[in-house]
């Protein structure tokens, strides 16, 4: 089991670095595009499509790590005023709800990705990309988020989700 856990952790951390590399590449690509336009050159036709997909991929890659670290959006000002037992129950309930929602959305995105792949759909913009790509990115990202929420649920929550903390 420890080998599987280490491999899974490695995947989560590798995806974070892939997402970071994508964001850095997007920044560089935008700068190159702007410079080329300003010096009268014709920029790469697929810049906007690649930037859009890279932003989606970077989000899908980084989201599971953010869930693990407790960096996901959590509005808990009122909940933190609850007694410790009620607070713990509320944290577990919302974490379970988040796992369920992420899991259902990941499943639906996977179904849509498979349907798009079966039909041979393509996304035609300035460049042509497989029609399943966006759905597949969402399915993987949300599937891993669901896994991370379940992990938090059974491990006691993220490091900063403690009652009374300023978080």
N, C-alpha and C. Protein backbone atom coordinates (compact mmCIF):
# COMPACT_ATOMS: atom_id res chain seq x y z
N UNK A 1 0.82 -1.20 0.00
CA UNK A 1 0.00 0.00 0.00
C UNK A 1 0.87 1.26 0.00
N UNK A 2 2.00 1.21 0.70
CA UNK A 2 2.89 2.37 0.76
C UNK A 2 3.44 2.71 -0.62
N UNK A 3 3.68 1.70 -1.45
CA UNK A 3 4.19 1.94 -2.80
C UNK A 3 3.14 2.68 -3.63
N UNK A 4 1.89 2.26 -3.50
CA UNK A 4 0.80 2.92 -4.23
C UNK A 4 0.65 4.36 -3.76
N UNK A 5 0.72 4.57 -2.46
CA UNK A 5 0.60 5.92 -1.91
C UNK A 5 1.73 6.82 -2.42
N UNK A 6 2.95 6.30 -2.42
CA UNK A 6 4.09 7.10 -2.90
C UNK A 6 3.94 7.40 -4.39
N UNK A 7 3.48 6.42 -5.16
CA UNK A 7 3.28 6.64 -6.60
C UNK A 7 2.20 7.69 -6.83
N UNK A 8 1.11 7.59 -6.09
CA UNK A 8 0.02 8.57 -6.22
C UNK A 8 0.51 9.97 -5.83
N UNK A 9 1.23 10.06 -4.72
CA UNK A 9 1.79 11.35 -4.31
C UNK A 9 2.72 11.90 -5.39
N UNK A 10 3.51 11.02 -6.00
CA UNK A 10 4.40 11.44 -7.08
C UNK A 10 3.63 12.00 -8.26
N UNK A 11 2.50 11.37 -8.58
CA UNK A 11 1.67 11.86 -9.68
C UNK A 11 1.13 13.26 -9.35
N UNK A 12 0.63 13.43 -8.13
CA UNK A 12 0.08 14.73 -7.73
C UNK A 12 1.15 15.83 -7.82
N UNK A 13 2.34 15.55 -7.29
CA UNK A 13 3.42 16.55 -7.32
C UNK A 13 3.94 16.77 -8.74
N UNK A 14 4.01 15.72 -9.56
CA UNK A 14 4.43 15.88 -10.95
C UNK A 14 3.44 16.76 -11.72
N UNK A 15 2.15 16.55 -11.46
CA UNK A 15 1.14 17.36 -12.13
C UNK A 15 1.25 18.83 -11.75
N UNK A 16 1.60 19.10 -10.49
CA UNK A 16 1.78 20.49 -10.08
C UNK A 16 2.89 21.14 -10.90
N UNK A 17 3.99 20.42 -11.07
CA UNK A 17 5.11 20.96 -11.84
C UNK A 17 4.75 21.10 -13.31
N UNK A 18 3.98 20.17 -13.84
CA UNK A 18 3.52 20.29 -15.23
C UNK A 18 2.65 21.53 -15.37
N UNK A 19 1.75 21.74 -14.41
CA UNK A 19 0.90 22.93 -14.44
C UNK A 19 1.71 24.21 -14.36
N UNK A 20 2.72 24.23 -13.51
CA UNK A 20 3.60 25.40 -13.41
C UNK A 20 4.34 25.64 -14.72
N UNK A 21 4.84 24.58 -15.33
CA UNK A 21 5.54 24.71 -16.61
C UNK A 21 4.60 25.24 -17.68
N UNK A 22 3.35 24.80 -17.64
CA UNK A 22 2.38 25.29 -18.63
C UNK A 22 2.12 26.78 -18.45
N UNK A 23 1.97 27.22 -17.20
CA UNK A 23 1.75 28.64 -16.96
C UNK A 23 2.95 29.47 -17.39
N UNK A 24 4.14 28.97 -17.14
CA UNK A 24 5.34 29.68 -17.58
C UNK A 24 5.40 29.72 -19.11
N UNK A 25 5.04 28.62 -19.75
CA UNK A 25 5.03 28.57 -21.22
C UNK A 25 4.00 29.51 -21.80
N UNK A 26 2.84 29.58 -21.16
CA UNK A 26 1.80 30.50 -21.61
C UNK A 26 2.31 31.94 -21.53
N UNK A 27 2.95 32.27 -20.43
CA UNK A 27 3.49 33.63 -20.27
C UNK A 27 4.49 33.94 -21.38
N UNK A 28 5.38 33.01 -21.64
CA UNK A 28 6.38 33.20 -22.69
C UNK A 28 5.72 33.30 -24.06
N UNK A 29 4.75 32.45 -24.33
CA UNK A 29 4.06 32.45 -25.61
C UNK A 29 3.34 33.77 -25.85
N UNK A 30 2.73 34.31 -24.82
CA UNK A 30 2.03 35.59 -24.96
C UNK A 30 3.02 36.72 -25.24
N UNK A 31 4.15 36.71 -24.53
CA UNK A 31 5.17 37.74 -24.75
C UNK A 31 5.70 37.66 -26.18
N UNK A 32 5.99 36.45 -26.65
CA UNK A 32 6.48 36.28 -28.02
C UNK A 32 5.43 36.75 -29.02
N UNK A 33 4.18 36.43 -28.79
CA UNK A 33 3.10 36.85 -29.67
C UNK A 33 3.02 38.37 -29.76
N UNK A 34 3.07 39.04 -28.60
CA UNK A 34 2.98 40.51 -28.57
C UNK A 34 4.18 41.15 -29.24
N UNK A 35 5.37 40.63 -28.97
CA UNK A 35 6.58 41.18 -29.58
C UNK A 35 6.52 41.01 -31.09
N UNK A 36 6.12 39.83 -31.56
CA UNK A 36 6.04 39.60 -33.00
C UNK A 36 5.05 40.55 -33.66
N UNK A 37 3.94 40.79 -33.02
CA UNK A 37 2.95 41.72 -33.57
C UNK A 37 3.52 43.13 -33.64
N UNK A 38 4.25 43.52 -32.60
CA UNK A 38 4.78 44.89 -32.54
C UNK A 38 5.95 45.14 -33.48
N UNK A 39 6.63 44.09 -33.90
CA UNK A 39 7.73 44.28 -34.86
C UNK A 39 7.29 43.98 -36.29
N UNK A 40 5.97 43.79 -36.46
CA UNK A 40 5.43 43.61 -37.79
C UNK A 40 5.48 42.19 -38.33
N UNK A 41 5.79 41.24 -37.48
CA UNK A 41 5.83 39.84 -37.91
C UNK A 41 4.46 39.20 -37.69
N UNK A 42 4.23 38.12 -38.37
CA UNK A 42 2.99 37.38 -38.21
C UNK A 42 3.18 36.35 -37.10
N UNK A 43 2.42 36.50 -36.00
CA UNK A 43 2.58 35.55 -34.89
C UNK A 43 2.00 34.18 -35.23
N UNK A 44 2.33 33.20 -34.41
CA UNK A 44 1.82 31.85 -34.57
C UNK A 44 0.29 31.87 -34.50
N UNK A 45 -0.36 31.23 -35.44
CA UNK A 45 -1.82 31.28 -35.55
C UNK A 45 -2.53 30.63 -34.38
N UNK A 46 -1.92 29.65 -33.75
CA UNK A 46 -2.59 28.90 -32.70
C UNK A 46 -2.38 29.40 -31.30
N UNK A 47 -1.83 30.58 -31.14
CA UNK A 47 -1.50 31.06 -29.80
C UNK A 47 -2.71 31.09 -28.88
N UNK A 48 -3.80 31.69 -29.31
CA UNK A 48 -4.95 31.82 -28.40
C UNK A 48 -5.53 30.46 -28.04
N UNK A 49 -5.63 29.55 -29.00
CA UNK A 49 -6.16 28.22 -28.71
C UNK A 49 -5.24 27.46 -27.75
N UNK A 50 -3.94 27.54 -27.98
CA UNK A 50 -2.99 26.86 -27.09
C UNK A 50 -3.02 27.45 -25.68
N UNK A 51 -3.15 28.77 -25.60
CA UNK A 51 -3.22 29.42 -24.29
C UNK A 51 -4.48 28.97 -23.54
N UNK A 52 -5.61 28.92 -24.25
CA UNK A 52 -6.85 28.48 -23.61
C UNK A 52 -6.74 27.05 -23.08
N UNK A 53 -6.22 26.15 -23.88
CA UNK A 53 -6.08 24.76 -23.45
C UNK A 53 -5.03 24.62 -22.35
N UNK A 54 -3.96 25.38 -22.45
CA UNK A 54 -2.93 25.31 -21.41
C UNK A 54 -3.45 25.83 -20.07
N UNK A 55 -4.29 26.84 -20.09
CA UNK A 55 -4.87 27.35 -18.85
C UNK A 55 -5.79 26.30 -18.22
N UNK A 56 -6.57 25.62 -19.06
CA UNK A 56 -7.43 24.55 -18.56
C UNK A 56 -6.59 23.41 -18.00
N UNK A 57 -5.55 23.03 -18.73
CA UNK A 57 -4.68 21.94 -18.28
C UNK A 57 -3.94 22.30 -16.99
N UNK A 58 -3.46 23.53 -16.89
CA UNK A 58 -2.75 23.95 -15.68
C UNK A 58 -3.69 23.92 -14.47
N UNK A 59 -4.92 24.31 -14.68
CA UNK A 59 -5.91 24.25 -13.60
C UNK A 59 -6.18 22.81 -13.19
N UNK A 60 -6.37 21.94 -14.18
CA UNK A 60 -6.63 20.53 -13.89
C UNK A 60 -5.43 19.89 -13.19
N UNK A 61 -4.23 20.30 -13.55
CA UNK A 61 -3.02 19.73 -12.94
C UNK A 61 -2.81 20.22 -11.51
N UNK A 62 -3.12 21.47 -11.25
CA UNK A 62 -2.85 22.04 -9.94
C UNK A 62 -3.96 21.88 -8.91
N UNK A 63 -5.19 21.69 -9.36
CA UNK A 63 -6.32 21.64 -8.44
C UNK A 63 -6.22 20.53 -7.38
N UNK A 64 -5.83 19.32 -7.74
CA UNK A 64 -5.74 18.28 -6.70
C UNK A 64 -4.73 18.61 -5.61
N UNK A 65 -3.62 19.20 -5.98
CA UNK A 65 -2.60 19.60 -5.00
C UNK A 65 -3.16 20.70 -4.08
N UNK A 66 -3.92 21.63 -4.66
CA UNK A 66 -4.52 22.68 -3.83
C UNK A 66 -5.52 22.10 -2.84
N UNK A 67 -6.30 21.12 -3.26
CA UNK A 67 -7.23 20.46 -2.34
C UNK A 67 -6.44 19.81 -1.21
N UNK A 68 -5.38 19.12 -1.55
CA UNK A 68 -4.56 18.45 -0.54
C UNK A 68 -4.02 19.44 0.48
N UNK A 69 -3.59 20.59 0.02
CA UNK A 69 -2.99 21.59 0.91
C UNK A 69 -4.02 22.45 1.62
N UNK A 70 -5.29 22.26 1.30
CA UNK A 70 -6.32 23.11 1.90
C UNK A 70 -6.39 24.46 1.24
N UNK A 71 -5.89 24.56 0.01
CA UNK A 71 -5.88 25.83 -0.70
C UNK A 71 -7.12 26.06 -1.54
N UNK A 72 -8.07 25.14 -1.51
CA UNK A 72 -9.31 25.32 -2.25
C UNK A 72 -10.16 26.39 -1.56
N UNK A 73 -11.10 26.92 -2.28
CA UNK A 73 -11.95 27.98 -1.74
C UNK A 73 -12.83 27.40 -0.63
N UNK A 74 -12.76 28.02 0.52
CA UNK A 74 -13.58 27.59 1.65
C UNK A 74 -14.01 28.83 2.43
N UNK A 75 -15.30 29.08 2.46
CA UNK A 75 -15.83 30.20 3.20
C UNK A 75 -16.36 29.63 4.51
N UNK A 76 -15.62 29.84 5.57
CA UNK A 76 -15.97 29.18 6.82
C UNK A 76 -16.02 30.12 8.02
N UNK A 77 -16.25 31.41 7.78
CA UNK A 77 -16.31 32.36 8.88
C UNK A 77 -17.39 32.04 9.89
N UNK A 78 -18.57 31.68 9.42
CA UNK A 78 -19.68 31.33 10.30
C UNK A 78 -19.46 29.95 10.92
N UNK A 79 -18.98 29.01 10.11
CA UNK A 79 -18.81 27.64 10.58
C UNK A 79 -17.79 27.57 11.71
N UNK A 80 -16.77 28.40 11.66
CA UNK A 80 -15.73 28.38 12.70
C UNK A 80 -16.26 28.84 14.05
N UNK A 81 -17.41 29.47 14.05
CA UNK A 81 -18.02 29.92 15.32
C UNK A 81 -18.83 28.81 15.98
N UNK A 82 -18.97 27.68 15.31
CA UNK A 82 -19.72 26.56 15.88
C UNK A 82 -18.90 25.88 16.98
N UNK A 83 -19.56 25.17 17.87
CA UNK A 83 -18.83 24.38 18.86
C UNK A 83 -17.94 23.36 18.14
N UNK A 84 -16.85 22.93 18.76
CA UNK A 84 -15.90 22.03 18.09
C UNK A 84 -16.54 20.77 17.48
N UNK A 85 -17.47 20.14 18.16
CA UNK A 85 -18.08 18.92 17.62
C UNK A 85 -18.90 19.24 16.37
N UNK A 86 -19.68 20.32 16.41
CA UNK A 86 -20.48 20.70 15.25
C UNK A 86 -19.59 21.15 14.10
N UNK A 87 -18.51 21.84 14.44
CA UNK A 87 -17.56 22.26 13.42
C UNK A 87 -16.97 21.05 12.70
N UNK A 88 -16.53 20.07 13.46
CA UNK A 88 -15.96 18.87 12.87
C UNK A 88 -16.94 18.14 11.97
N UNK A 89 -18.18 18.06 12.42
CA UNK A 89 -19.22 17.42 11.62
C UNK A 89 -19.46 18.19 10.32
N UNK A 90 -19.50 19.51 10.41
CA UNK A 90 -19.72 20.35 9.23
C UNK A 90 -18.56 20.21 8.24
N UNK A 91 -17.34 20.18 8.74
CA UNK A 91 -16.18 20.02 7.86
C UNK A 91 -16.24 18.67 7.14
N UNK A 92 -16.56 17.62 7.88
CA UNK A 92 -16.65 16.29 7.26
C UNK A 92 -17.79 16.24 6.24
N UNK A 93 -18.92 16.84 6.57
CA UNK A 93 -20.06 16.83 5.65
C UNK A 93 -19.76 17.59 4.37
N UNK A 94 -19.16 18.76 4.49
CA UNK A 94 -18.86 19.54 3.29
C UNK A 94 -17.74 18.89 2.47
N UNK A 95 -16.79 18.26 3.13
CA UNK A 95 -15.73 17.56 2.40
C UNK A 95 -16.32 16.38 1.64
N UNK A 96 -17.24 15.64 2.25
CA UNK A 96 -17.90 14.53 1.57
C UNK A 96 -18.73 15.05 0.39
N UNK A 97 -19.41 16.16 0.58
CA UNK A 97 -20.21 16.76 -0.49
C UNK A 97 -19.31 17.16 -1.66
N UNK A 98 -18.18 17.79 -1.34
CA UNK A 98 -17.24 18.21 -2.39
C UNK A 98 -16.69 17.00 -3.15
N UNK A 99 -16.38 15.93 -2.43
CA UNK A 99 -15.90 14.71 -3.08
C UNK A 99 -16.97 14.17 -4.02
N UNK A 100 -18.21 14.17 -3.59
CA UNK A 100 -19.30 13.68 -4.42
C UNK A 100 -19.51 14.52 -5.67
N UNK A 101 -19.53 15.83 -5.50
CA UNK A 101 -19.73 16.73 -6.65
C UNK A 101 -18.57 16.59 -7.64
N UNK A 102 -17.34 16.60 -7.13
CA UNK A 102 -16.18 16.45 -8.02
C UNK A 102 -16.22 15.10 -8.73
N UNK A 103 -16.60 14.06 -8.01
CA UNK A 103 -16.68 12.73 -8.61
C UNK A 103 -17.73 12.64 -9.71
N UNK A 104 -18.90 13.20 -9.46
CA UNK A 104 -19.98 13.18 -10.47
C UNK A 104 -19.56 13.99 -11.70
N UNK A 105 -18.99 15.15 -11.48
CA UNK A 105 -18.56 15.97 -12.62
C UNK A 105 -17.42 15.31 -13.39
N UNK A 106 -16.52 14.65 -12.69
CA UNK A 106 -15.43 13.92 -13.36
C UNK A 106 -16.00 12.79 -14.21
N UNK A 107 -16.95 12.06 -13.66
CA UNK A 107 -17.60 10.97 -14.39
C UNK A 107 -18.27 11.51 -15.65
N UNK A 108 -19.01 12.60 -15.51
CA UNK A 108 -19.73 13.16 -16.67
C UNK A 108 -18.75 13.67 -17.72
N UNK A 109 -17.68 14.31 -17.30
CA UNK A 109 -16.68 14.78 -18.26
C UNK A 109 -16.01 13.61 -18.96
N UNK A 110 -15.78 12.51 -18.23
CA UNK A 110 -15.18 11.32 -18.85
C UNK A 110 -16.12 10.73 -19.89
N UNK A 111 -17.41 10.68 -19.59
CA UNK A 111 -18.40 10.18 -20.55
C UNK A 111 -18.40 11.05 -21.80
N UNK A 112 -18.39 12.36 -21.62
CA UNK A 112 -18.37 13.27 -22.77
C UNK A 112 -17.08 13.14 -23.57
N UNK A 113 -15.95 12.93 -22.89
CA UNK A 113 -14.68 12.72 -23.59
C UNK A 113 -14.72 11.45 -24.43
N UNK A 114 -15.25 10.38 -23.85
CA UNK A 114 -15.35 9.12 -24.60
C UNK A 114 -16.28 9.26 -25.80
N UNK A 115 -17.40 9.95 -25.62
CA UNK A 115 -18.33 10.15 -26.73
C UNK A 115 -17.68 10.97 -27.85
N UNK A 116 -16.96 12.01 -27.46
CA UNK A 116 -16.29 12.85 -28.46
C UNK A 116 -15.22 12.06 -29.20
N UNK A 117 -14.49 11.20 -28.47
CA UNK A 117 -13.47 10.37 -29.10
C UNK A 117 -14.10 9.35 -30.05
N UNK A 118 -15.19 8.73 -29.63
CA UNK A 118 -15.88 7.75 -30.49
C UNK A 118 -16.39 8.39 -31.77
N UNK A 119 -16.85 9.60 -31.67
CA UNK A 119 -17.41 10.30 -32.84
C UNK A 119 -16.32 10.96 -33.69
N UNK A 120 -15.10 10.98 -33.17
CA UNK A 120 -14.01 11.61 -33.91
C UNK A 120 -14.14 13.13 -33.98
N UNK A 121 -14.74 13.72 -32.95
CA UNK A 121 -14.95 15.16 -32.95
C UNK A 121 -13.62 15.91 -32.87
N UNK A 122 -13.61 17.07 -33.48
CA UNK A 122 -12.43 17.93 -33.41
C UNK A 122 -12.88 19.34 -33.02
N UNK A 123 -11.98 20.05 -32.39
CA UNK A 123 -12.20 21.44 -32.01
C UNK A 123 -11.43 22.28 -33.01
N UNK A 124 -12.17 22.90 -33.92
CA UNK A 124 -11.52 23.66 -34.98
C UNK A 124 -11.52 25.13 -34.59
N UNK A 125 -10.33 25.62 -34.37
CA UNK A 125 -10.12 27.05 -34.09
C UNK A 125 -9.05 27.49 -35.06
N UNK A 126 -8.09 28.23 -34.56
CA UNK A 126 -6.96 28.59 -35.41
C UNK A 126 -6.08 27.37 -35.67
N UNK A 127 -6.19 26.39 -34.79
CA UNK A 127 -5.56 25.08 -35.00
C UNK A 127 -6.62 24.03 -34.67
N UNK A 128 -6.40 22.82 -35.13
CA UNK A 128 -7.36 21.75 -34.89
C UNK A 128 -6.86 20.87 -33.76
N UNK A 129 -7.71 20.66 -32.76
CA UNK A 129 -7.37 19.82 -31.60
C UNK A 129 -8.44 18.76 -31.44
N UNK A 130 -8.10 17.63 -30.82
CA UNK A 130 -9.12 16.59 -30.61
C UNK A 130 -10.27 17.12 -29.76
N UNK A 131 -11.48 16.76 -30.13
CA UNK A 131 -12.67 17.25 -29.43
C UNK A 131 -12.79 16.73 -28.01
N UNK A 132 -12.13 15.63 -27.68
CA UNK A 132 -12.21 15.05 -26.34
C UNK A 132 -11.23 15.69 -25.36
N UNK A 133 -10.28 16.48 -25.84
CA UNK A 133 -9.19 16.96 -25.01
C UNK A 133 -9.67 17.77 -23.80
N UNK A 134 -10.54 18.73 -24.00
CA UNK A 134 -11.00 19.57 -22.88
C UNK A 134 -11.75 18.73 -21.85
N UNK A 135 -12.62 17.84 -22.32
CA UNK A 135 -13.37 16.98 -21.39
C UNK A 135 -12.43 16.05 -20.62
N UNK A 136 -11.43 15.52 -21.30
CA UNK A 136 -10.49 14.62 -20.64
C UNK A 136 -9.70 15.34 -19.56
N UNK A 137 -9.29 16.57 -19.84
CA UNK A 137 -8.56 17.36 -18.84
C UNK A 137 -9.43 17.60 -17.60
N UNK A 138 -10.68 17.96 -17.83
CA UNK A 138 -11.60 18.19 -16.72
C UNK A 138 -11.84 16.90 -15.94
N UNK A 139 -12.01 15.79 -16.66
CA UNK A 139 -12.26 14.51 -16.00
C UNK A 139 -11.09 14.11 -15.11
N UNK A 140 -9.89 14.23 -15.60
CA UNK A 140 -8.72 13.86 -14.81
C UNK A 140 -8.56 14.79 -13.60
N UNK A 141 -8.65 16.09 -13.84
CA UNK A 141 -8.49 17.05 -12.74
C UNK A 141 -9.52 16.88 -11.65
N UNK A 142 -10.79 16.77 -12.03
CA UNK A 142 -11.84 16.62 -11.03
C UNK A 142 -11.83 15.23 -10.38
N UNK A 143 -11.43 14.22 -11.15
CA UNK A 143 -11.31 12.88 -10.56
C UNK A 143 -10.26 12.86 -9.46
N UNK A 144 -9.14 13.50 -9.72
CA UNK A 144 -8.09 13.58 -8.69
C UNK A 144 -8.53 14.48 -7.53
N UNK A 145 -9.30 15.52 -7.82
CA UNK A 145 -9.83 16.36 -6.73
C UNK A 145 -10.76 15.54 -5.84
N UNK A 146 -11.61 14.73 -6.46
CA UNK A 146 -12.52 13.87 -5.68
C UNK A 146 -11.70 12.93 -4.80
N UNK A 147 -10.65 12.37 -5.35
CA UNK A 147 -9.77 11.48 -4.58
C UNK A 147 -9.14 12.22 -3.41
N UNK A 148 -8.70 13.44 -3.66
CA UNK A 148 -8.08 14.23 -2.59
C UNK A 148 -9.10 14.61 -1.51
N UNK A 149 -10.32 14.94 -1.91
CA UNK A 149 -11.35 15.23 -0.91
C UNK A 149 -11.63 14.00 -0.06
N UNK A 150 -11.70 12.84 -0.69
CA UNK A 150 -11.90 11.60 0.07
C UNK A 150 -10.72 11.34 1.01
N UNK A 151 -9.54 11.61 0.53
CA UNK A 151 -8.35 11.45 1.37
C UNK A 151 -8.43 12.37 2.59
N UNK A 152 -8.84 13.61 2.36
CA UNK A 152 -9.00 14.55 3.48
C UNK A 152 -10.07 14.07 4.45
N UNK A 153 -11.15 13.55 3.88
CA UNK A 153 -12.26 13.09 4.70
C UNK A 153 -11.82 11.99 5.66
N UNK A 154 -11.02 11.06 5.17
CA UNK A 154 -10.62 9.93 6.00
C UNK A 154 -9.35 10.16 6.79
N UNK A 155 -8.65 11.27 6.51
CA UNK A 155 -7.42 11.55 7.26
C UNK A 155 -7.60 12.67 8.28
N UNK A 156 -8.75 13.30 8.31
CA UNK A 156 -8.98 14.33 9.31
C UNK A 156 -8.95 15.75 8.80
N UNK A 157 -8.74 15.96 7.52
CA UNK A 157 -8.80 17.29 6.94
C UNK A 157 -7.44 17.86 6.62
N UNK A 158 -7.45 18.99 5.90
CA UNK A 158 -6.20 19.64 5.52
C UNK A 158 -5.48 20.21 6.74
N UNK A 159 -4.19 20.47 6.62
CA UNK A 159 -3.42 20.95 7.76
C UNK A 159 -3.98 22.21 8.41
N UNK A 160 -4.55 23.14 7.64
CA UNK A 160 -5.01 24.39 8.25
C UNK A 160 -6.50 24.41 8.58
N UNK A 161 -7.20 23.31 8.39
CA UNK A 161 -8.64 23.27 8.69
C UNK A 161 -8.84 22.86 10.14
N UNK A 162 -8.40 23.72 11.05
CA UNK A 162 -8.54 23.45 12.47
C UNK A 162 -9.50 24.45 13.08
N UNK A 163 -10.29 24.00 14.00
CA UNK A 163 -11.30 24.86 14.61
C UNK A 163 -10.64 26.05 15.29
N UNK A 164 -11.15 27.23 14.97
CA UNK A 164 -10.67 28.44 15.61
C UNK A 164 -9.44 29.04 14.98
N UNK A 165 -8.87 28.41 13.96
CA UNK A 165 -7.68 28.98 13.32
C UNK A 165 -8.08 30.11 12.41
N UNK A 166 -7.15 31.00 12.14
CA UNK A 166 -7.42 32.12 11.28
C UNK A 166 -7.40 31.73 9.81
N UNK A 167 -6.87 30.53 9.51
CA UNK A 167 -6.87 29.89 8.21
C UNK A 167 -6.45 30.74 7.11
